[in-house]
C-alpha cells in the first residue's frame, strides 16, 4: 500500500440531506458513452470515499469548497471550478478538504470503449485537474439530471451525447491550460485565486486582486474572466456564499454573525447576494434545512 493511502481515515459517506445520488441500469450497452450515474454532494468534514476495480469512469468537478484527491500515486486538492477525469478501474480515493471543511461537488459516471482515448488527451497518463467554466457544466448537468427520471424513449442516447459534451469541454480546457502554461499567464491568476480563497472573509477589492497578478484593473478583469469563466468580483461573492451555506446548515450562529464571518459586513447586502445566488434568503434556507432534518 502506498504511504499516502495510510494517512486517510476509514470511509465515511457524510453528506448533507439535500445531496443527490442516482444510479442507472443501462438498457443500451452499445452506446459510445453509457450513462451509469449522476450526483451532487454537499459533503461535510468527514466525507471520504475509496474505490478500486470499478468498471465505470468518473467526471468530477468542484462547485464550492475543496476536495483532496489521491489518484495515480498523486495527492492534490480539487479546488472550486476544477474538474477531473478518473478511471474507475484504478485505485482512487477522495475526501472533503480538511482545510475548508466542506466540499460541494458534482459527478457523472459512465462506461465507454472510448475512455482510453479521452484519458490520454485529458490526463496524458497522469491526473490533470482542469479549470472549467461552471456555467457550461451546470447547464449540461441540469439537462443530464432532468433526463434521469424521464420516461423519454431515447433518454440514454441523449445522455450519451451529453457525456461526450462534458469530455469535449475537458479536452478544450486541457488545450487552454497548455496555452496558459506556455505563456506563463496562468501562474499569477492561480495565485490570485488562492489569495481569494484565503482572504474572502476580509475586505477585498478588485484592485487588491489585480495587484496579486501585477496587472492593471481592466487587464486583470479581462484575463481572469477569460481564464475562470466568471468575473473576479462574482467569483469572490460565490466563494463567500458557498461558505455561508455550510455555516447556515452546520452551525447555530446568527445570520448577522455568519454574514460577517464570510466577508459581508452589511447583513442586507448579504441577504441580497445570497438570494441572487440561491433564489432564497438565508433565513428561509436555514428553515428549509431544519424542516427536512
Protein backbone atom coordinates (compact mmCIF):
# COMPACT_ATOMS: atom_id res chain seq x y z
CA UNK A 1 0.00 0.00 0.00
CA UNK A 2 1.29 3.46 -0.90
CA UNK A 3 2.30 5.55 2.11
CA UNK A 4 -0.16 8.29 1.09
CA UNK A 5 -3.03 5.85 1.50
CA UNK A 6 -2.18 5.28 5.16
CA UNK A 7 -2.92 8.90 6.02
CA UNK A 8 -6.57 8.60 5.05
CA UNK A 9 -9.30 7.72 7.59
CA UNK A 10 -11.92 5.00 7.34
CA UNK A 11 -14.53 5.51 4.64
CA UNK A 12 -17.40 7.73 5.75
CA UNK A 13 -20.25 8.81 3.49
CA UNK A 14 -21.02 12.06 5.30
CA UNK A 15 -23.07 14.31 3.06
CA UNK A 16 -25.94 16.70 3.64
CA UNK A 17 -29.61 15.82 3.37
CA UNK A 18 -30.09 17.70 0.11
CA UNK A 19 -27.41 15.71 -1.75
CA UNK A 20 -28.41 13.91 -4.97
CA UNK A 21 -27.36 10.36 -5.87
CA UNK A 22 -28.86 8.49 -8.84
CA UNK A 23 -27.59 5.20 -10.33
CA UNK A 24 -28.78 3.83 -13.69
CA UNK A 25 -29.07 0.33 -15.10
CA UNK A 26 -28.25 0.82 -18.79
CA UNK A 27 -30.68 -0.56 -21.35
CA UNK A 28 -28.43 0.14 -24.33
CA UNK A 29 -24.91 -1.24 -23.87
CA UNK A 30 -23.59 -0.35 -27.32
CA UNK A 31 -23.75 3.41 -26.96
CA UNK A 32 -20.46 5.34 -27.32
CA UNK A 33 -20.87 6.59 -23.74
CA UNK A 34 -23.11 4.58 -21.42
CA UNK A 35 -24.58 6.65 -18.54
CA UNK A 36 -24.49 4.85 -15.18
CA UNK A 37 -24.97 7.57 -12.56
CA UNK A 38 -25.12 11.21 -11.55
CA UNK A 39 -24.84 13.05 -8.26
CA UNK A 40 -24.45 16.36 -6.45
CA UNK A 41 -22.97 16.03 -2.96
CA UNK A 42 -22.65 18.71 -0.33
CA UNK A 43 -20.10 16.78 1.67
CA UNK A 44 -19.26 17.57 5.27
CA UNK A 45 -15.90 17.45 7.01
CA UNK A 46 -15.71 13.65 7.46
CA UNK A 47 -16.72 12.63 3.94
CA UNK A 48 -14.33 10.00 2.47
CA UNK A 49 -14.70 7.56 -0.45
CA UNK A 50 -12.28 4.86 -1.63
CA UNK A 51 -12.68 2.72 -4.75
CA UNK A 52 -10.78 0.29 -6.97
CA UNK A 53 -11.67 -2.02 -9.89
CA UNK A 54 -14.88 -0.11 -10.56
CA UNK A 55 -15.98 -0.92 -14.11
CA UNK A 56 -17.02 2.64 -14.93
CA UNK A 57 -15.43 6.07 -15.11
CA UNK A 58 -15.97 9.36 -13.34
CA UNK A 59 -16.11 13.04 -14.25
CA UNK A 60 -16.00 15.02 -11.02
CA UNK A 61 -15.95 18.78 -10.50
CA UNK A 62 -15.95 21.12 -7.51
CA UNK A 63 -18.72 23.72 -7.18
CA UNK A 64 -17.63 25.01 -3.78
CA UNK A 65 -15.09 24.30 -1.06
CA UNK A 66 -12.43 21.75 -1.99
CA UNK A 67 -11.73 18.03 -2.06
CA UNK A 68 -8.50 16.13 -1.52
CA UNK A 69 -7.85 13.51 -4.21
CA UNK A 70 -5.45 10.56 -4.27
CA UNK A 71 -5.13 9.01 -7.73
CA UNK A 72 -2.26 7.52 -9.75
CA UNK A 73 0.08 7.90 -6.78
CA UNK A 74 -0.52 11.64 -6.54
CA UNK A 75 -2.32 13.72 -3.91
CA UNK A 76 -3.79 17.12 -4.72
CA UNK A 77 -6.73 19.40 -3.89
CA UNK A 78 -9.56 19.85 -6.37
CA UNK A 79 -10.49 23.50 -5.95
CA UNK A 80 -13.65 25.35 -6.92
CA UNK A 81 -14.16 25.41 -10.68
CA UNK A 82 -11.83 22.47 -11.32
CA UNK A 83 -12.77 19.12 -12.86
CA UNK A 84 -11.03 15.75 -13.24
CA UNK A 85 -11.49 12.54 -15.20
CA UNK A 86 -10.91 9.29 -13.27
CA UNK A 87 -10.55 5.70 -14.49
CA UNK A 88 -12.70 3.67 -12.10
CA UNK A 89 -10.59 0.55 -12.65
CA UNK A 90 -7.63 2.28 -10.97
CA UNK A 91 -7.34 2.86 -7.23
CA UNK A 92 -8.63 6.28 -6.21
CA UNK A 93 -9.72 7.96 -3.03
CA UNK A 94 -11.19 11.36 -2.27
CA UNK A 95 -12.40 13.31 0.74
CA UNK A 96 -13.50 16.72 1.92
CA UNK A 97 -10.56 19.07 2.31
CA UNK A 98 -9.69 19.34 5.99
CA UNK A 99 -8.62 22.94 5.49
CA UNK A 100 -12.03 24.22 4.29
CA UNK A 101 -14.25 21.63 6.00
CA UNK A 102 -16.80 21.31 3.20
CA UNK A 103 -16.92 20.15 -0.39
CA UNK A 104 -19.76 20.87 -2.80
CA UNK A 105 -19.21 18.74 -5.92
CA UNK A 106 -21.00 17.09 -8.80
CA UNK A 107 -20.19 13.90 -10.68
CA UNK A 108 -21.17 11.85 -13.70
CA UNK A 109 -20.43 8.12 -14.03
CA UNK A 110 -20.26 6.31 -17.34
CA UNK A 111 -18.77 3.38 -19.24
CA UNK A 112 -17.14 3.70 -22.64
CA UNK A 113 -14.83 1.85 -25.00
CA UNK A 114 -13.51 5.29 -25.94
CA UNK A 115 -12.32 6.16 -22.43
CA UNK A 116 -8.65 5.49 -23.11
CA UNK A 117 -8.61 7.99 -25.98
CA UNK A 118 -10.06 10.78 -23.83
CA UNK A 119 -7.92 9.80 -20.84
CA UNK A 120 -4.79 10.13 -22.98
CA UNK A 121 -5.82 13.55 -24.27
CA UNK A 122 -7.02 14.94 -20.94
CA UNK A 123 -4.68 13.28 -18.43
CA UNK A 124 -1.69 12.17 -20.50
CA UNK A 125 -1.05 9.19 -18.22
CA UNK A 126 -1.24 11.26 -15.03
CA UNK A 127 -4.04 13.18 -13.34
CA UNK A 128 -4.84 16.62 -14.64
CA UNK A 129 -7.25 18.89 -12.71
CA UNK A 130 -8.62 21.39 -15.20
CA UNK A 131 -10.25 24.77 -14.82
CA UNK A 132 -13.72 24.78 -16.36
CA UNK A 133 -16.46 27.35 -16.84
CA UNK A 134 -19.00 26.30 -14.23
CA UNK A 135 -21.88 27.71 -16.28
CA UNK A 136 -21.19 25.27 -19.12
CA UNK A 137 -21.02 22.26 -16.83
CA UNK A 138 -24.06 23.44 -14.83
CA UNK A 139 -26.15 23.57 -17.98
CA UNK A 140 -25.10 20.07 -19.09
CA UNK A 141 -25.57 18.70 -15.56
CA UNK A 142 -29.12 20.09 -15.36
CA UNK A 143 -30.01 18.51 -18.69
CA UNK A 144 -28.50 15.19 -17.63
CA UNK A 145 -30.27 15.21 -14.25
CA UNK A 146 -33.64 16.15 -15.78
CA UNK A 147 -33.38 13.08 -18.01
CA UNK A 148 -32.54 10.80 -15.06
CA UNK A 149 -36.19 10.40 -14.05
CA UNK A 150 -37.58 10.88 -17.53
CA UNK A 151 -39.57 8.31 -19.50
CA UNK A 152 -38.11 9.72 -22.70
CA UNK A 153 -37.57 6.75 -25.01
CA UNK A 154 -34.16 7.92 -26.14
CA UNK A 155 -33.02 9.18 -22.72
CA UNK A 156 -29.76 7.20 -22.74
CA UNK A 157 -28.92 8.34 -26.27
CA UNK A 158 -29.27 11.98 -25.24
CA UNK A 159 -27.26 11.39 -22.04
CA UNK A 160 -24.56 9.69 -24.10
CA UNK A 161 -24.24 12.85 -26.19
CA UNK A 162 -24.14 14.97 -23.03
CA UNK A 163 -21.26 12.87 -21.63
CA UNK A 164 -19.34 13.47 -24.84
CA UNK A 165 -20.00 17.20 -24.39
CA UNK A 166 -18.61 17.02 -20.83
CA UNK A 167 -15.48 15.33 -22.15
CA UNK A 168 -15.13 17.79 -25.03
CA UNK A 169 -15.13 20.69 -22.57
CA UNK A 170 -12.35 18.96 -20.62
CA UNK A 171 -10.35 18.50 -23.83
CA UNK A 172 -10.78 22.20 -24.59
CA UNK A 173 -9.77 23.11 -21.03
CA UNK A 174 -6.64 20.97 -21.43
CA UNK A 175 -5.70 22.94 -24.56
CA UNK A 176 -6.26 26.23 -22.76
CA UNK A 177 -4.20 25.06 -19.80
CA UNK A 178 -1.29 24.18 -22.08
CA UNK A 179 -1.57 27.57 -23.78
CA UNK A 180 -1.57 29.45 -20.49
CA UNK A 181 1.28 27.33 -19.11
CA UNK A 182 3.37 28.01 -22.19
CA UNK A 183 2.73 31.75 -21.86
CA UNK A 184 3.24 31.77 -18.08
CA UNK A 185 -0.10 33.56 -17.71
CA UNK A 186 -1.87 31.05 -15.54
CA UNK A 187 0.53 31.27 -12.59
CA UNK A 188 -0.36 34.81 -11.44
CA UNK A 189 -4.09 34.14 -12.00
CA UNK A 190 -3.85 30.93 -9.99
CA UNK A 191 -2.00 32.87 -7.28
CA UNK A 192 -4.85 35.39 -7.25
CA UNK A 193 -7.45 32.63 -6.96
CA UNK A 194 -5.66 31.18 -3.94
CA UNK A 195 -5.41 34.69 -2.48
CA UNK A 196 -9.22 34.99 -2.74
CA UNK A 197 -9.77 31.57 -1.12
CA UNK A 198 -7.50 32.53 1.78
CA UNK A 199 -8.81 36.07 2.28
CA UNK A 200 -12.50 36.00 1.32
CA UNK A 201 -13.63 36.84 4.92
CA UNK A 202 -11.82 40.19 4.70
CA UNK A 203 -12.49 43.29 2.58
CA UNK A 204 -11.01 42.57 -0.87
CA UNK A 205 -11.23 44.93 -3.84
CA UNK A 206 -10.66 44.08 -7.49
CA UNK A 207 -7.55 46.27 -7.29
CA UNK A 208 -6.24 44.08 -4.44
CA UNK A 209 -6.75 41.03 -6.65
CA UNK A 210 -5.11 42.70 -9.66
CA UNK A 211 -2.08 43.56 -7.52
CA UNK A 212 -1.55 39.83 -6.91
CA UNK A 213 -1.02 39.47 -10.66
CA UNK A 214 0.85 42.76 -11.19
CA UNK A 215 -1.80 43.74 -13.73
CA UNK A 216 -3.92 46.82 -14.25
CA UNK A 217 -7.51 46.56 -13.05
CA UNK A 218 -9.01 46.35 -16.56
CA UNK A 219 -6.42 43.86 -17.85
CA UNK A 220 -6.84 41.69 -14.76
CA UNK A 221 -10.64 41.58 -15.06
CA UNK A 222 -10.41 40.62 -18.73
CA UNK A 223 -7.84 37.86 -18.20
CA UNK A 224 -9.40 36.47 -15.02
CA UNK A 225 -12.85 36.27 -16.63
CA UNK A 226 -11.43 34.56 -19.70
CA UNK A 227 -9.43 32.05 -17.65
CA UNK A 228 -12.03 31.32 -14.94
CA UNK A 229 -15.28 31.77 -16.87
CA UNK A 230 -16.52 34.22 -14.21
CA UNK A 231 -15.59 37.78 -13.21
CA UNK A 232 -13.27 38.31 -10.21
CA UNK A 233 -15.97 40.01 -8.13
CA UNK A 234 -18.57 37.34 -8.95
CA UNK A 235 -16.04 34.64 -8.04
CA UNK A 236 -15.37 36.30 -4.67
CA UNK A 237 -19.07 36.57 -3.90
CA UNK A 238 -19.65 32.95 -4.93
CA UNK A 239 -16.92 31.79 -2.53
CA UNK A 240 -18.49 33.78 0.30
CA UNK A 241 -21.99 32.46 -0.36
CA UNK A 242 -20.76 28.85 -0.58
CA UNK A 243 -19.14 29.17 2.84
CA UNK A 244 -22.26 30.74 4.28
CA UNK A 245 -24.32 27.73 3.13
CA UNK A 246 -22.18 25.45 5.28
CA UNK A 247 -22.42 27.72 8.32
CA UNK A 248 -26.19 28.05 7.97
CA UNK A 249 -26.55 24.28 7.88
CA UNK A 250 -23.95 23.14 10.40
CA UNK A 251 -23.78 25.97 12.96
CA UNK A 252 -26.21 27.81 15.22
CA UNK A 253 -24.60 31.18 14.60
CA UNK A 254 -26.88 34.09 13.86
CA UNK A 255 -27.31 35.23 10.26
CA UNK A 256 -25.62 38.50 11.16
CA UNK A 257 -22.59 36.69 12.59
CA UNK A 258 -22.41 34.40 9.53
CA UNK A 259 -22.57 37.40 7.20
CA UNK A 260 -19.58 38.96 8.97
CA UNK A 261 -17.66 35.68 9.11
CA UNK A 262 -17.81 35.17 5.34
CA UNK A 263 -16.96 38.77 4.46
CA UNK A 264 -20.28 40.64 4.31
CA UNK A 265 -20.26 43.48 6.80
CA UNK A 266 -23.80 44.54 5.86
CA UNK A 267 -26.49 41.94 6.56
CA UNK A 268 -28.81 43.47 3.96
CA UNK A 269 -26.14 43.11 1.29
CA UNK A 270 -25.52 39.53 2.43
CA UNK A 271 -29.23 38.71 2.09
CA UNK A 272 -29.35 40.35 -1.34
CA UNK A 273 -26.31 38.43 -2.63
CA UNK A 274 -27.50 35.18 -1.03
CA UNK A 275 -30.88 35.41 -2.77
CA UNK A 276 -29.17 36.29 -6.04
CA UNK A 277 -27.07 33.10 -5.87
CA UNK A 278 -29.57 30.66 -4.31
CA UNK A 279 -33.03 32.03 -5.08
CA UNK A 280 -33.97 32.27 -1.40
CA UNK A 281 -32.98 34.19 1.74
CA UNK A 282 -30.53 32.91 4.40
CA UNK A 283 -33.38 32.65 6.93
CA UNK A 284 -35.62 30.61 4.61
CA UNK A 285 -32.70 28.43 3.59
CA UNK A 286 -31.99 27.56 7.23
CA UNK A 287 -35.70 26.95 7.92
CA UNK A 288 -35.90 24.53 4.98
CA UNK A 289 -32.84 22.65 6.25
CA UNK A 290 -34.38 22.33 9.73
CA UNK A 291 -37.71 21.15 8.30
CA UNK A 292 -36.01 18.34 6.39
CA UNK A 293 -33.83 17.25 9.31
